[in-house]
């Protein structure tokens, strides 16, 4: 009984994780929501023998932030999938347990009956 409740709960949480990550990714890639600024890179000035050379890294920061956000959301999708997988395994084990309880001793020892489960 508790395995069924836990299984369905894990499946629901996993689907919520996947749905949240997919909606967040779509909002960011469509442009409806801004990306969280995790990395802010200043411009670098390198002294060379020909004079100072400026590397504009401010233009790369949004790309790095977008990549990190996409990586984090893919991890969220993967975690949701694993939670749902654990939930389905709990439900499967509970179904097999219930089916074995309904069988008689003679039916439970037959290989064909066990294979059908």
Protein backbone atom coordinates (compact mmCIF):
# COMPACT_ATOMS: atom_id res chain seq x y z
CA UNK A 1 0.00 0.00 0.00
CA UNK A 2 2.72 2.47 0.97
CA UNK A 3 4.77 1.51 -2.06
CA UNK A 4 1.88 2.51 -4.32
CA UNK A 5 1.52 5.90 -2.67
CA UNK A 6 5.28 6.48 -2.73
CA UNK A 7 5.52 5.28 -6.33
CA UNK A 8 2.79 7.61 -7.57
CA UNK A 9 4.25 10.46 -5.53
CA UNK A 10 7.71 9.95 -7.04
CA UNK A 11 6.25 9.80 -10.54
CA UNK A 12 4.35 13.06 -9.93
CA UNK A 13 7.44 14.80 -8.53
CA UNK A 14 9.54 13.56 -11.45
CA UNK A 15 7.00 14.85 -13.97
CA UNK A 16 6.92 18.21 -12.17
CA UNK A 17 10.72 18.45 -12.35
CA UNK A 18 10.67 17.68 -16.08
CA UNK A 19 7.79 20.10 -16.73
CA UNK A 20 9.45 22.92 -14.74
CA UNK A 21 12.76 22.47 -16.53
CA UNK A 22 11.15 22.30 -19.97
CA UNK A 23 9.06 25.43 -19.36
CA UNK A 24 12.06 27.33 -18.00
CA UNK A 25 14.20 26.33 -20.96
CA UNK A 26 11.53 27.31 -23.45
CA UNK A 27 10.98 30.70 -21.79
CA UNK A 28 14.69 31.49 -21.85
CA UNK A 29 15.31 30.33 -25.41
CA UNK A 30 12.22 32.11 -26.73
CA UNK A 31 13.29 35.28 -24.96
CA UNK A 32 10.36 35.70 -22.57
CA UNK A 33 12.56 35.42 -19.47
CA UNK A 34 16.14 36.57 -18.93
CA UNK A 35 18.95 34.18 -18.10
CA UNK A 36 20.26 34.27 -14.55
CA UNK A 37 23.62 36.04 -14.59
CA UNK A 38 26.00 33.62 -12.90
CA UNK A 39 29.18 34.65 -14.67
CA UNK A 40 30.22 38.22 -15.39
CA UNK A 41 33.53 38.46 -17.15
CA UNK A 42 35.28 41.83 -17.43
CA UNK A 43 37.29 42.82 -20.46
CA UNK A 44 40.93 41.75 -20.30
CA UNK A 45 43.79 43.97 -21.30
CA UNK A 46 46.96 42.12 -22.20
CA UNK A 47 50.25 43.93 -22.57
CA UNK A 48 52.10 42.79 -25.67
CA UNK A 49 55.28 44.05 -27.27
CA UNK A 50 53.14 45.94 -29.78
CA UNK A 51 51.03 47.62 -27.13
CA UNK A 52 47.96 46.76 -25.06
CA UNK A 53 45.53 44.25 -26.53
CA UNK A 54 41.95 44.31 -25.28
CA UNK A 55 39.94 41.06 -25.24
CA UNK A 56 36.17 41.79 -25.12
CA UNK A 57 34.96 39.04 -22.79
CA UNK A 58 31.77 40.91 -21.86
CA UNK A 59 30.27 39.63 -25.11
CA UNK A 60 30.99 36.02 -24.15
CA UNK A 61 29.31 36.20 -20.71
CA UNK A 62 25.71 35.80 -21.98
CA UNK A 63 26.71 32.74 -23.98
CA UNK A 64 28.41 31.15 -20.97
CA UNK A 65 25.39 31.94 -18.76
CA UNK A 66 23.03 30.43 -21.33
CA UNK A 67 25.14 27.28 -21.54
CA UNK A 68 25.31 26.91 -17.75
CA UNK A 69 21.55 27.42 -17.47
CA UNK A 70 20.87 24.81 -20.15
CA UNK A 71 23.23 22.38 -18.41
CA UNK A 72 21.47 22.90 -15.08
CA UNK A 73 18.03 22.40 -16.63
CA UNK A 74 19.21 19.20 -18.34
CA UNK A 75 20.33 17.97 -14.93
CA UNK A 76 16.86 18.81 -13.59
CA UNK A 77 15.26 16.85 -16.43
CA UNK A 78 17.56 13.91 -15.75
CA UNK A 79 16.76 14.00 -12.02
CA UNK A 80 13.03 14.09 -12.79
CA UNK A 81 13.42 11.11 -15.08
CA UNK A 82 15.27 9.16 -12.42
CA UNK A 83 12.61 9.95 -9.81
CA UNK A 84 9.87 8.81 -12.17
CA UNK A 85 11.85 5.66 -12.95
CA UNK A 86 12.14 4.82 -9.25
CA UNK A 87 8.40 5.41 -8.86
CA UNK A 88 7.55 3.04 -11.71
CA UNK A 89 9.86 0.39 -10.28
CA UNK A 90 8.07 0.66 -6.93
CA UNK A 91 4.70 0.27 -8.64
CA UNK A 92 5.97 -2.69 -10.64
CA UNK A 93 7.27 -4.42 -7.51
CA UNK A 94 3.96 -3.78 -5.74
CA UNK A 95 2.01 -5.22 -8.68
CA UNK A 96 4.14 -8.36 -8.71
CA UNK A 97 3.75 -8.70 -4.94
CA UNK A 98 -0.03 -8.40 -5.16
CA UNK A 99 -0.17 -10.91 -8.01
CA UNK A 100 1.94 -13.41 -6.05
CA UNK A 101 -0.36 -13.10 -3.04
CA UNK A 102 -3.35 -14.08 -5.19
CA UNK A 103 -1.70 -17.26 -6.47
CA UNK A 104 -1.90 -20.61 -4.78
CA UNK A 105 1.26 -22.46 -3.79
CA UNK A 106 1.05 -24.77 -6.79
CA UNK A 107 0.62 -21.90 -9.24
CA UNK A 108 3.47 -19.90 -7.68
CA UNK A 109 5.96 -22.74 -8.18
CA UNK A 110 5.23 -23.12 -11.90
CA UNK A 111 7.67 -21.35 -14.19
CA UNK A 112 5.03 -20.33 -16.73
CA UNK A 113 2.96 -18.48 -14.13
CA UNK A 114 5.98 -16.61 -12.78
CA UNK A 115 7.05 -15.60 -16.32
CA UNK A 116 3.60 -14.07 -16.95
CA UNK A 117 4.04 -11.77 -13.97
